[in-house]
Amino acid sequence: MTNIGSQLIEAATLMVTGMGVVFIFLTILIFLIRFMSTLVPQEVPEKLVAAKTTKANQSTSSTVSPQVVAAISAAIQQHRASIAK
């Protein structure tokens, strides 16, 4: 049988080692995030944001046909009717 004192010392050693590894990992992670933030530009120019927003709005509104909207509406009504029964 092992001594309770030796088990406590072993547990404390394991705890300190684990906490040290986590501390080192988080420290490295913080420095890497700071380094990456210096590489990436802070703000995107407004011209690019406006152009992307305009293209996204135009493509979604022009690609959905009224027939597709009618089919989806009919399917939703049918589904709601089957749930109500």
N, C-alpha and C. Protein backbone atom coordinates (compact mmCIF):
# COMPACT_ATOMS: atom_id res chain seq x y z
N MET A 1 0.84 -1.18 0.00
CA MET A 1 0.00 0.00 0.00
C MET A 1 0.88 1.24 0.00
N THR A 2 0.39 2.24 -0.73
CA THR A 2 1.17 3.46 -0.79
C THR A 2 0.73 4.42 0.31
N ASN A 3 1.62 5.26 0.66
CA ASN A 3 1.39 6.24 1.71
C ASN A 3 0.51 7.37 1.17
N ILE A 4 -0.40 7.89 2.00
CA ILE A 4 -1.28 8.97 1.58
C ILE A 4 -0.48 10.24 1.26
N GLY A 5 0.62 10.44 1.97
CA GLY A 5 1.47 11.60 1.72
C GLY A 5 2.09 11.57 0.34
N SER A 6 2.54 10.40 -0.09
CA SER A 6 3.14 10.29 -1.42
C SER A 6 2.08 10.47 -2.51
N GLN A 7 0.86 10.03 -2.25
CA GLN A 7 -0.21 10.23 -3.22
C GLN A 7 -0.57 11.71 -3.34
N LEU A 8 -0.57 12.42 -2.21
CA LEU A 8 -0.85 13.85 -2.26
C LEU A 8 0.24 14.61 -3.00
N ILE A 9 1.48 14.23 -2.80
CA ILE A 9 2.59 14.88 -3.50
C ILE A 9 2.49 14.61 -5.00
N GLU A 10 2.17 13.37 -5.35
CA GLU A 10 2.02 13.03 -6.77
C GLU A 10 0.85 13.80 -7.40
N ALA A 11 -0.27 13.94 -6.68
CA ALA A 11 -1.42 14.67 -7.19
C ALA A 11 -1.08 16.15 -7.36
N ALA A 12 -0.36 16.73 -6.39
CA ALA A 12 0.02 18.14 -6.48
C ALA A 12 0.97 18.36 -7.65
N THR A 13 1.90 17.45 -7.85
CA THR A 13 2.83 17.56 -8.97
C THR A 13 2.08 17.50 -10.30
N LEU A 14 1.13 16.58 -10.39
CA LEU A 14 0.34 16.45 -11.62
C LEU A 14 -0.50 17.71 -11.85
N MET A 15 -1.08 18.27 -10.79
CA MET A 15 -1.89 19.47 -10.91
C MET A 15 -1.05 20.66 -11.36
N VAL A 16 0.12 20.84 -10.75
CA VAL A 16 0.99 21.96 -11.11
C VAL A 16 1.47 21.81 -12.55
N THR A 17 1.79 20.59 -12.95
CA THR A 17 2.23 20.36 -14.33
C THR A 17 1.12 20.68 -15.32
N GLY A 18 -0.10 20.23 -15.03
CA GLY A 18 -1.23 20.51 -15.91
C GLY A 18 -1.53 22.00 -16.00
N MET A 19 -1.52 22.68 -14.88
CA MET A 19 -1.79 24.12 -14.89
C MET A 19 -0.69 24.87 -15.63
N GLY A 20 0.56 24.42 -15.50
CA GLY A 20 1.66 25.04 -16.22
C GLY A 20 1.51 24.89 -17.73
N VAL A 21 1.12 23.69 -18.15
CA VAL A 21 0.94 23.44 -19.59
C VAL A 21 -0.18 24.32 -20.14
N VAL A 22 -1.29 24.43 -19.41
CA VAL A 22 -2.40 25.26 -19.86
C VAL A 22 -1.98 26.73 -19.90
N PHE A 23 -1.26 27.20 -18.91
CA PHE A 23 -0.80 28.59 -18.87
C PHE A 23 0.11 28.88 -20.06
N ILE A 24 1.04 28.00 -20.34
CA ILE A 24 1.96 28.20 -21.47
C ILE A 24 1.19 28.20 -22.79
N PHE A 25 0.24 27.27 -22.94
CA PHE A 25 -0.55 27.20 -24.17
C PHE A 25 -1.35 28.49 -24.38
N LEU A 26 -2.01 28.97 -23.32
CA LEU A 26 -2.80 30.19 -23.46
C LEU A 26 -1.93 31.40 -23.74
N THR A 27 -0.75 31.46 -23.14
CA THR A 27 0.17 32.56 -23.41
C THR A 27 0.60 32.57 -24.88
N ILE A 28 0.94 31.40 -25.40
CA ILE A 28 1.32 31.29 -26.81
C ILE A 28 0.14 31.68 -27.70
N LEU A 29 -1.06 31.25 -27.33
CA LEU A 29 -2.25 31.58 -28.11
C LEU A 29 -2.50 33.08 -28.15
N ILE A 30 -2.34 33.75 -27.03
CA ILE A 30 -2.53 35.21 -26.99
C ILE A 30 -1.53 35.91 -27.89
N PHE A 31 -0.26 35.50 -27.84
CA PHE A 31 0.74 36.14 -28.70
C PHE A 31 0.48 35.86 -30.17
N LEU A 32 0.04 34.66 -30.51
CA LEU A 32 -0.27 34.36 -31.91
C LEU A 32 -1.45 35.18 -32.41
N ILE A 33 -2.47 35.35 -31.57
CA ILE A 33 -3.63 36.16 -31.99
C ILE A 33 -3.22 37.61 -32.18
N ARG A 34 -2.40 38.14 -31.29
CA ARG A 34 -1.93 39.52 -31.46
C ARG A 34 -1.10 39.66 -32.72
N PHE A 35 -0.25 38.68 -33.01
CA PHE A 35 0.57 38.72 -34.22
C PHE A 35 -0.30 38.68 -35.47
N MET A 36 -1.32 37.80 -35.46
CA MET A 36 -2.20 37.70 -36.62
C MET A 36 -3.02 38.97 -36.81
N SER A 37 -3.37 39.64 -35.72
CA SER A 37 -4.15 40.87 -35.86
C SER A 37 -3.33 41.99 -36.49
N THR A 38 -2.00 41.93 -36.36
CA THR A 38 -1.17 42.93 -37.03
C THR A 38 -1.08 42.65 -38.53
N LEU A 39 -1.25 41.40 -38.93
CA LEU A 39 -1.16 41.05 -40.34
C LEU A 39 -2.44 41.37 -41.09
N VAL A 40 -3.58 41.26 -40.44
CA VAL A 40 -4.87 41.48 -41.08
C VAL A 40 -5.22 42.96 -40.97
N PRO A 41 -5.69 43.56 -42.05
CA PRO A 41 -6.07 44.98 -41.96
C PRO A 41 -7.27 45.17 -41.03
N GLN A 42 -7.30 46.30 -40.37
CA GLN A 42 -8.32 46.56 -39.36
C GLN A 42 -9.70 46.78 -39.98
N GLU A 43 -9.79 47.58 -41.03
CA GLU A 43 -11.08 47.91 -41.62
C GLU A 43 -11.05 47.63 -43.12
N VAL A 44 -12.18 47.22 -43.63
CA VAL A 44 -12.34 47.03 -45.07
C VAL A 44 -12.83 48.34 -45.64
N PRO A 45 -12.27 48.79 -46.75
CA PRO A 45 -12.74 50.05 -47.34
C PRO A 45 -14.24 50.00 -47.63
N GLU A 46 -14.89 51.14 -47.49
CA GLU A 46 -16.35 51.19 -47.64
C GLU A 46 -16.80 50.86 -49.05
N LYS A 47 -15.98 51.14 -50.03
CA LYS A 47 -16.36 50.85 -51.41
C LYS A 47 -16.55 49.35 -51.61
N LEU A 48 -15.67 48.53 -51.04
CA LEU A 48 -15.78 47.09 -51.19
C LEU A 48 -17.00 46.56 -50.45
N VAL A 49 -17.27 47.06 -49.29
CA VAL A 49 -18.43 46.60 -48.52
C VAL A 49 -19.72 46.94 -49.24
N ALA A 50 -19.81 48.15 -49.78
CA ALA A 50 -21.02 48.56 -50.49
C ALA A 50 -21.20 47.74 -51.77
N ALA A 51 -20.13 47.47 -52.48
CA ALA A 51 -20.22 46.70 -53.72
C ALA A 51 -20.68 45.27 -53.43
N LYS A 52 -20.14 44.66 -52.39
CA LYS A 52 -20.53 43.29 -52.06
C LYS A 52 -21.99 43.24 -51.61
N THR A 53 -22.42 44.21 -50.84
CA THR A 53 -23.81 44.24 -50.37
C THR A 53 -24.76 44.41 -51.54
N THR A 54 -24.44 45.27 -52.48
CA THR A 54 -25.30 45.50 -53.63
C THR A 54 -25.39 44.25 -54.49
N LYS A 55 -24.26 43.59 -54.72
CA LYS A 55 -24.27 42.37 -55.53
C LYS A 55 -25.08 41.28 -54.84
N ALA A 56 -24.95 41.14 -53.54
CA ALA A 56 -25.69 40.11 -52.83
C ALA A 56 -27.18 40.35 -52.89
N ASN A 57 -27.61 41.60 -52.74
CA ASN A 57 -29.04 41.91 -52.79
C ASN A 57 -29.61 41.68 -54.18
N GLN A 58 -28.86 42.03 -55.21
CA GLN A 58 -29.35 41.87 -56.57
C GLN A 58 -29.44 40.40 -56.95
N SER A 59 -28.44 39.61 -56.57
CA SER A 59 -28.43 38.21 -56.99
C SER A 59 -29.54 37.41 -56.31
N THR A 60 -29.84 37.70 -55.06
CA THR A 60 -30.88 36.92 -54.39
C THR A 60 -32.27 37.30 -54.86
N SER A 61 -32.50 38.57 -55.16
CA SER A 61 -33.84 38.98 -55.58
C SER A 61 -34.12 38.57 -57.02
N SER A 62 -33.14 38.49 -57.86
CA SER A 62 -33.37 38.18 -59.26
C SER A 62 -33.39 36.68 -59.53
N THR A 63 -32.88 35.85 -58.64
CA THR A 63 -32.80 34.42 -58.92
C THR A 63 -34.03 33.66 -58.45
N VAL A 64 -34.85 34.21 -57.56
CA VAL A 64 -36.03 33.51 -57.07
C VAL A 64 -37.22 33.89 -57.94
N SER A 65 -37.77 32.89 -58.60
CA SER A 65 -38.90 33.18 -59.48
C SER A 65 -40.21 33.11 -58.69
N PRO A 66 -41.23 33.76 -59.17
CA PRO A 66 -42.54 33.72 -58.49
C PRO A 66 -43.11 32.30 -58.41
N GLN A 67 -42.78 31.45 -59.37
CA GLN A 67 -43.26 30.06 -59.35
C GLN A 67 -42.67 29.30 -58.18
N VAL A 68 -41.42 29.55 -57.89
CA VAL A 68 -40.77 28.88 -56.76
C VAL A 68 -41.39 29.35 -55.46
N VAL A 69 -41.66 30.64 -55.36
CA VAL A 69 -42.29 31.19 -54.16
C VAL A 69 -43.67 30.57 -53.97
N ALA A 70 -44.43 30.42 -55.04
CA ALA A 70 -45.76 29.82 -54.96
C ALA A 70 -45.67 28.36 -54.52
N ALA A 71 -44.70 27.62 -55.04
CA ALA A 71 -44.54 26.22 -54.67
C ALA A 71 -44.17 26.08 -53.20
N ILE A 72 -43.30 26.94 -52.71
CA ILE A 72 -42.90 26.89 -51.30
C ILE A 72 -44.09 27.24 -50.41
N SER A 73 -44.85 28.25 -50.79
CA SER A 73 -46.03 28.65 -50.02
C SER A 73 -47.04 27.52 -49.95
N ALA A 74 -47.26 26.85 -51.07
CA ALA A 74 -48.20 25.73 -51.09
C ALA A 74 -47.71 24.58 -50.21
N ALA A 75 -46.42 24.31 -50.23
CA ALA A 75 -45.87 23.24 -49.41
C ALA A 75 -46.00 23.57 -47.92
N ILE A 76 -45.80 24.82 -47.56
CA ILE A 76 -45.94 25.22 -46.15
C ILE A 76 -47.39 25.09 -45.71
N GLN A 77 -48.32 25.53 -46.54
CA GLN A 77 -49.74 25.41 -46.19
C GLN A 77 -50.15 23.96 -46.04
N GLN A 78 -49.66 23.10 -46.92
CA GLN A 78 -49.96 21.68 -46.86
C GLN A 78 -49.39 21.07 -45.58
N HIS A 79 -48.20 21.45 -45.21
CA HIS A 79 -47.57 20.94 -44.01
C HIS A 79 -48.33 21.38 -42.76
N ARG A 80 -48.72 22.65 -42.72
CA ARG A 80 -49.47 23.16 -41.57
C ARG A 80 -50.83 22.47 -41.47
N ALA A 81 -51.44 22.18 -42.61
CA ALA A 81 -52.73 21.49 -42.59
C ALA A 81 -52.59 20.07 -42.08
N SER A 82 -51.49 19.39 -42.41
CA SER A 82 -51.29 18.02 -41.94
C SER A 82 -50.98 17.99 -40.44
N ILE A 83 -50.36 19.03 -39.92
CA ILE A 83 -50.06 19.10 -38.48
C ILE A 83 -51.34 19.36 -37.69
N ALA A 84 -52.24 20.17 -38.24
CA ALA A 84 -53.45 20.57 -37.54
C ALA A 84 -54.41 19.39 -37.38
N LYS A 85 -54.31 18.38 -38.19
CA LYS A 85 -55.24 17.22 -38.14
C LYS A 85 -55.00 16.39 -36.93
